Structures are given as structure tokens and as C-alpha cells.
C-alpha atoms as a PDB file:
ATOM      1  CA  MET A   1     113.969  92.426  84.409  1.00  0.00           C
ATOM      2  CA  LEU A   2     116.356  95.134  85.534  1.00  0.00           C
ATOM      3  CA  PRO A   3     117.015  95.287  89.285  1.00  0.00           C
ATOM      4  CA  LEU A   4     116.934  99.123  89.348  1.00  0.00           C
ATOM      5  CA  GLY A   5     113.712 101.089  89.046  1.00  0.00           C
ATOM      6  CA  LEU A   6     112.274 104.580  89.339  1.00  0.00           C
ATOM      7  CA  ARG A   7     108.961 105.265  91.050  1.00  0.00           C
ATOM      8  CA  ALA A   8     106.898 108.386  91.759  1.00  0.00           C
ATOM      9  CA  ASP A   9     104.518 108.338  94.735  1.00  0.00           C
ATOM     10  CA  ALA A  10     101.849 110.635  96.133  1.00  0.00           C
ATOM     11  CA  ALA A  11     100.544 109.931  99.632  1.00  0.00           C
ATOM     12  CA  TYR A  12      98.363 111.307 102.422  1.00  0.00           C
ATOM     13  CA  ASN A  13      99.054 110.241 106.020  1.00  0.00           C
ATOM     14  CA  GLN A  14      97.345 111.330 109.229  1.00  0.00           C
ATOM     15  CA  SER A  15      98.181 110.495 112.835  1.00  0.00           C
ATOM     16  CA  ALA A  16      97.405 111.585 116.386  1.00  0.00           C
ATOM     17  CA  VAL A  17      99.786 114.046 118.029  1.00  0.00           C
ATOM     18  CA  GLU A  18     101.392 112.968 121.303  1.00  0.00           C
ATOM     19  CA  ALA A  19     100.477 115.316 124.121  1.00  0.00           C
ATOM     20  CA  ALA A  20     103.306 116.777 126.186  1.00  0.00           C
ATOM     21  CA  SER A  21     102.788 116.650 129.953  1.00  0.00           C
ATOM     22  CA  GLY A  22     100.213 119.266 130.841  1.00  0.00           C
ATOM     23  CA  GLY A  23      99.600 120.066 127.161  1.00  0.00           C
ATOM     24  CA  GLY A  24      96.077 120.477 125.892  1.00  0.00           C
ATOM     25  CA  LEU A  25      96.434 118.426 122.717  1.00  0.00           C
ATOM     26  CA  ALA A  26      93.551 115.988 123.228  1.00  0.00           C
ATOM     27  CA  GLY A  27      92.189 115.081 119.792  1.00  0.00           C
ATOM     28  CA  ALA A  28      95.020 116.847 117.949  1.00  0.00           C
ATOM     29  CA  ARG A  29      96.277 115.294 114.718  1.00  0.00           C
ATOM     30  CA  GLN A  30      98.988 115.866 112.131  1.00  0.00           C
ATOM     31  CA  SER A  31      98.465 115.370 108.406  1.00  0.00           C
ATOM     32  CA  VAL A  32     101.263 114.998 105.870  1.00  0.00           C
ATOM     33  CA  THR A  33     100.721 115.085 102.105  1.00  0.00           C
ATOM     34  CA  SER A  34     103.778 114.063 100.105  1.00  0.00           C
ATOM     35  CA  ALA A  35     105.009 113.654  96.549  1.00  0.00           C
ATOM     36  CA  THR A  36     108.278 111.719  96.191  1.00  0.00           C
ATOM     37  CA  LEU A  37     110.585 110.402  93.488  1.00  0.00           C
ATOM     38  CA  ASN A  38     112.198 107.117  94.513  1.00  0.00           C
ATOM     39  CA  LEU A  39     114.846 104.663  93.378  1.00  0.00           C
ATOM     40  CA  THR A  40     114.147 100.972  93.884  1.00  0.00           C
ATOM     41  CA  TYR A  41     116.526  98.027  93.887  1.00  0.00           C
ATOM     42  CA  ARG A  42     115.014  94.563  93.481  1.00  0.00           C
ATOM     43  CA  LEU A  43     116.811  91.930  95.551  1.00  0.00           C
ATOM     44  CA  PRO A  44     117.595  88.671  93.717  1.00  0.00           C
ATOM     45  CA  MET A  45     115.281  85.846  94.884  1.00  0.00           C
ATOM     46  CA  PRO A  46     115.232  83.127  92.201  1.00  0.00           C
ATOM     47  CA  ASN A  47     112.409  80.571  92.388  1.00  0.00           C
ATOM     48  CA  SER A  48     110.514  82.568  95.017  1.00  0.00           C
ATOM     49  CA  PRO A  49     106.942  83.926  94.891  1.00  0.00           C
ATOM     50  CA  LEU A  50     108.253  87.074  96.649  1.00  0.00           C
ATOM     51  CA  SER A  51     110.124  89.889  94.919  1.00  0.00           C
ATOM     52  CA  PRO A  52     111.703  91.970  97.740  1.00  0.00           C
ATOM     53  CA  TYR A  53     113.074  95.449  97.104  1.00  0.00           C
ATOM     54  CA  ILE A  54     114.778  98.394  98.782  1.00  0.00           C
ATOM     55  CA  ILE A  55     113.334 101.869  98.166  1.00  0.00           C
ATOM     56  CA  THR A  56     114.664 105.367  98.894  1.00  0.00           C
ATOM     57  CA  GLY A  57     113.952 108.847  97.615  1.00  0.00           C
ATOM     58  CA  LEU A  58     113.393 112.575  98.048  1.00  0.00           C
ATOM     59  CA  GLY A  59     110.316 114.701  97.799  1.00  0.00           C
ATOM     60  CA  GLY A  60     108.093 117.470  99.050  1.00  0.00           C
ATOM     61  CA  TYR A  61     106.194 117.043 102.342  1.00  0.00           C
ATOM     62  CA  HIS A  62     103.339 119.391 103.335  1.00  0.00           C
ATOM     63  CA  ALA A  63     102.501 119.068 107.052  1.00  0.00           C
ATOM     64  CA  THR A  64      99.437 120.537 108.779  1.00  0.00           C
ATOM     65  CA  CYS A  65      97.890 120.196 112.237  1.00  0.00           C
ATOM     66  CA  GLY A  66      94.287 119.915 113.308  1.00  0.00           C
ATOM     67  CA  GLY A  67      93.087 120.599 116.846  1.00  0.00           C
ATOM     68  CA  ALA A  68      96.472 122.061 117.866  1.00  0.00           C
ATOM     69  CA  THR A  69      98.343 125.290 117.445  1.00  0.00           C
ATOM     70  CA  CYS A  70     101.009 124.824 114.802  1.00  0.00           C
ATOM     71  CA  THR A  71     101.840 126.235 111.415  1.00  0.00           C
ATOM     72  CA  SER A  72     101.518 124.478 108.079  1.00  0.00           C
ATOM     73  CA  SER A  73     104.738 124.077 106.139  1.00  0.00           C
ATOM     74  CA  THR A  74     106.086 122.457 103.002  1.00  0.00           C
ATOM     75  CA  ARG A  75     109.616 121.084 103.200  1.00  0.00           C
ATOM     76  CA  LEU A  76     112.017 118.814 101.378  1.00  0.00           C
ATOM     77  CA  GLY A  77     112.244 115.368 102.958  1.00  0.00           C
ATOM     78  CA  TRP A  78     113.529 111.858 102.371  1.00  0.00           C
ATOM     79  CA  ASN A  79     112.319 108.291 102.786  1.00  0.00           C
ATOM     80  CA  ALA A  80     113.813 104.798 102.891  1.00  0.00           C
ATOM     81  CA  GLY A  81     112.372 101.337 103.390  1.00  0.00           C
ATOM     82  CA  LEU A  82     111.825  97.747 102.367  1.00  0.00           C
ATOM     83  CA  GLY A  83     109.004  96.036 100.542  1.00  0.00           C
ATOM     84  CA  THR A  84     108.058  92.986  98.537  1.00  0.00           C
ATOM     85  CA  LYS A  85     105.827  92.286  95.567  1.00  0.00           C
ATOM     86  CA  VAL A  86     103.769  89.095  95.592  1.00  0.00           C
ATOM     87  CA  MET A  87     100.982  87.582  93.472  1.00  0.00           C
ATOM     88  CA  VAL A  88      97.750  87.144  95.455  1.00  0.00           C
ATOM     89  CA  LEU A  89      94.654  85.706  93.759  1.00  0.00           C
ATOM     90  CA  GLY A  90      96.055  86.675  90.361  1.00  0.00           C
ATOM     91  CA  LEU A  91      96.744  90.288  91.407  1.00  0.00           C
ATOM     92  CA  ARG A  92     100.208  91.853  91.618  1.00  0.00           C
ATOM     93  CA  THR A  93     100.246  93.194  95.164  1.00  0.00           C
ATOM     94  CA  PHE A  94     102.894  94.715  97.412  1.00  0.00           C
ATOM     95  CA  VAL A  95     103.543  95.416 101.078  1.00  0.00           C
ATOM     96  CA  GLU A  96     106.178  97.870 102.252  1.00  0.00           C
ATOM     97  CA  GLY A  97     107.342  99.839 105.251  1.00  0.00           C
ATOM     98  CA  ARG A  98     109.092 103.174 104.753  1.00  0.00           C
ATOM     99  CA  TYR A  99     110.534 105.691 107.185  1.00  0.00           C
ATOM    100  CA  HIS A 100     109.772 109.304 106.150  1.00  0.00           C
ATOM    101  CA  SER A 101     111.457 112.420 107.548  1.00  0.00           C
ATOM    102  CA  ALA A 102     110.859 116.102 106.735  1.00  0.00           C
ATOM    103  CA  ASP A 103     112.270 119.090 108.613  1.00  0.00           C
ATOM    104  CA  ARG A 104     109.678 121.564 109.952  1.00  0.00           C
ATOM    105  CA  HIS A 105     109.966 124.857 111.841  1.00  0.00           C
ATOM    106  CA  SER A 106     108.153 123.349 114.827  1.00  0.00           C
ATOM    107  CA  GLY A 107     110.092 120.054 114.770  1.00  0.00           C
ATOM    108  CA  ASP A 108     110.634 117.212 112.347  1.00  0.00           C
ATOM    109  CA  ALA A 109     107.763 115.256 110.823  1.00  0.00           C
ATOM    110  CA  ASN A 110     108.892 111.615 111.134  1.00  0.00           C
ATOM    111  CA  TYR A 111     106.638 108.628 110.523  1.00  0.00           C
ATOM    112  CA  PHE A 112     106.734 104.982 109.427  1.00  0.00           C
ATOM    113  CA  PRO A 113     103.639 103.820 107.513  1.00  0.00           C
ATOM    114  CA  ILE A 114     103.062 100.223 106.452  1.00  0.00           C
ATOM    115  CA  THR A 115     101.482 100.220 102.985  1.00  0.00           C
ATOM    116  CA  LEU A 116      99.497  97.465 101.232  1.00  0.00           C
ATOM    117  CA  GLY A 117      98.654  97.944  97.580  1.00  0.00           C
ATOM    118  CA  VAL A 118      97.993  96.607  94.091  1.00  0.00           C
ATOM    119  CA  THR A 119     100.192  97.442  91.096  1.00  0.00           C
ATOM    120  CA  PHE A 120      99.176  97.549  87.451  1.00  0.00           C
END
């Protein structure tokens, strides 16, 4: 197996917006839809059930707000993180954490989702 890899991802993330003091943002939320192209580097771990990796990439991030006054925008952004693949009950699964950042007119969209998944 080669330690370097290429991976394309599409994701949808939604989170609550922090209210500024005196701001009327109760119930406001931000949604980010992204499509990224990433490089992965598998860390050597001989004789281990885990297969850790580093991931980083660039992509398009479309941010929108609900319940607040802000504009939708699509911007170029980047991401970087760590993850590991592991066999669970005969399934090839993974867990990873990645920091995402995309510049917006009304401020940066920065978030850090923890993702659990199954690979095929």
C-alpha cells in the first residue's frame, strides 16, 4: 500500500451561531456545504489494528445562515486534520477530526467536525 492518497469529499455541516452581547440571534444557525479535494498520508504503524493518517486539502465552501441576517457566499477554503481507519465487526471504518476554514464577507467560517464513517 502506498502511504500517499487522494480523496474527494462532499459534506454538509450545521451549527448554532453564538450570540453577541445584546444580539438577537436566539435560534440562529449557520450551514456550510463543502466539496474538497484532499491529500492523505498514512502513518506507518506495523502490526497495529489502527491505520492513522494525516489529511489536508482545498475546496469550495458555501455558507448560509438561518434565523439571522447574513448573506450566503461561496468561497475557497482549506482543511487539515488527523484520522484513523480501523476494522470494526468486519467493516472498514474511520474516525477523523478536521479543522475547516473559509473566508466570508461577514467573517470566516471556521469549524472542527468529528466524523465517523464506513469506507468501501
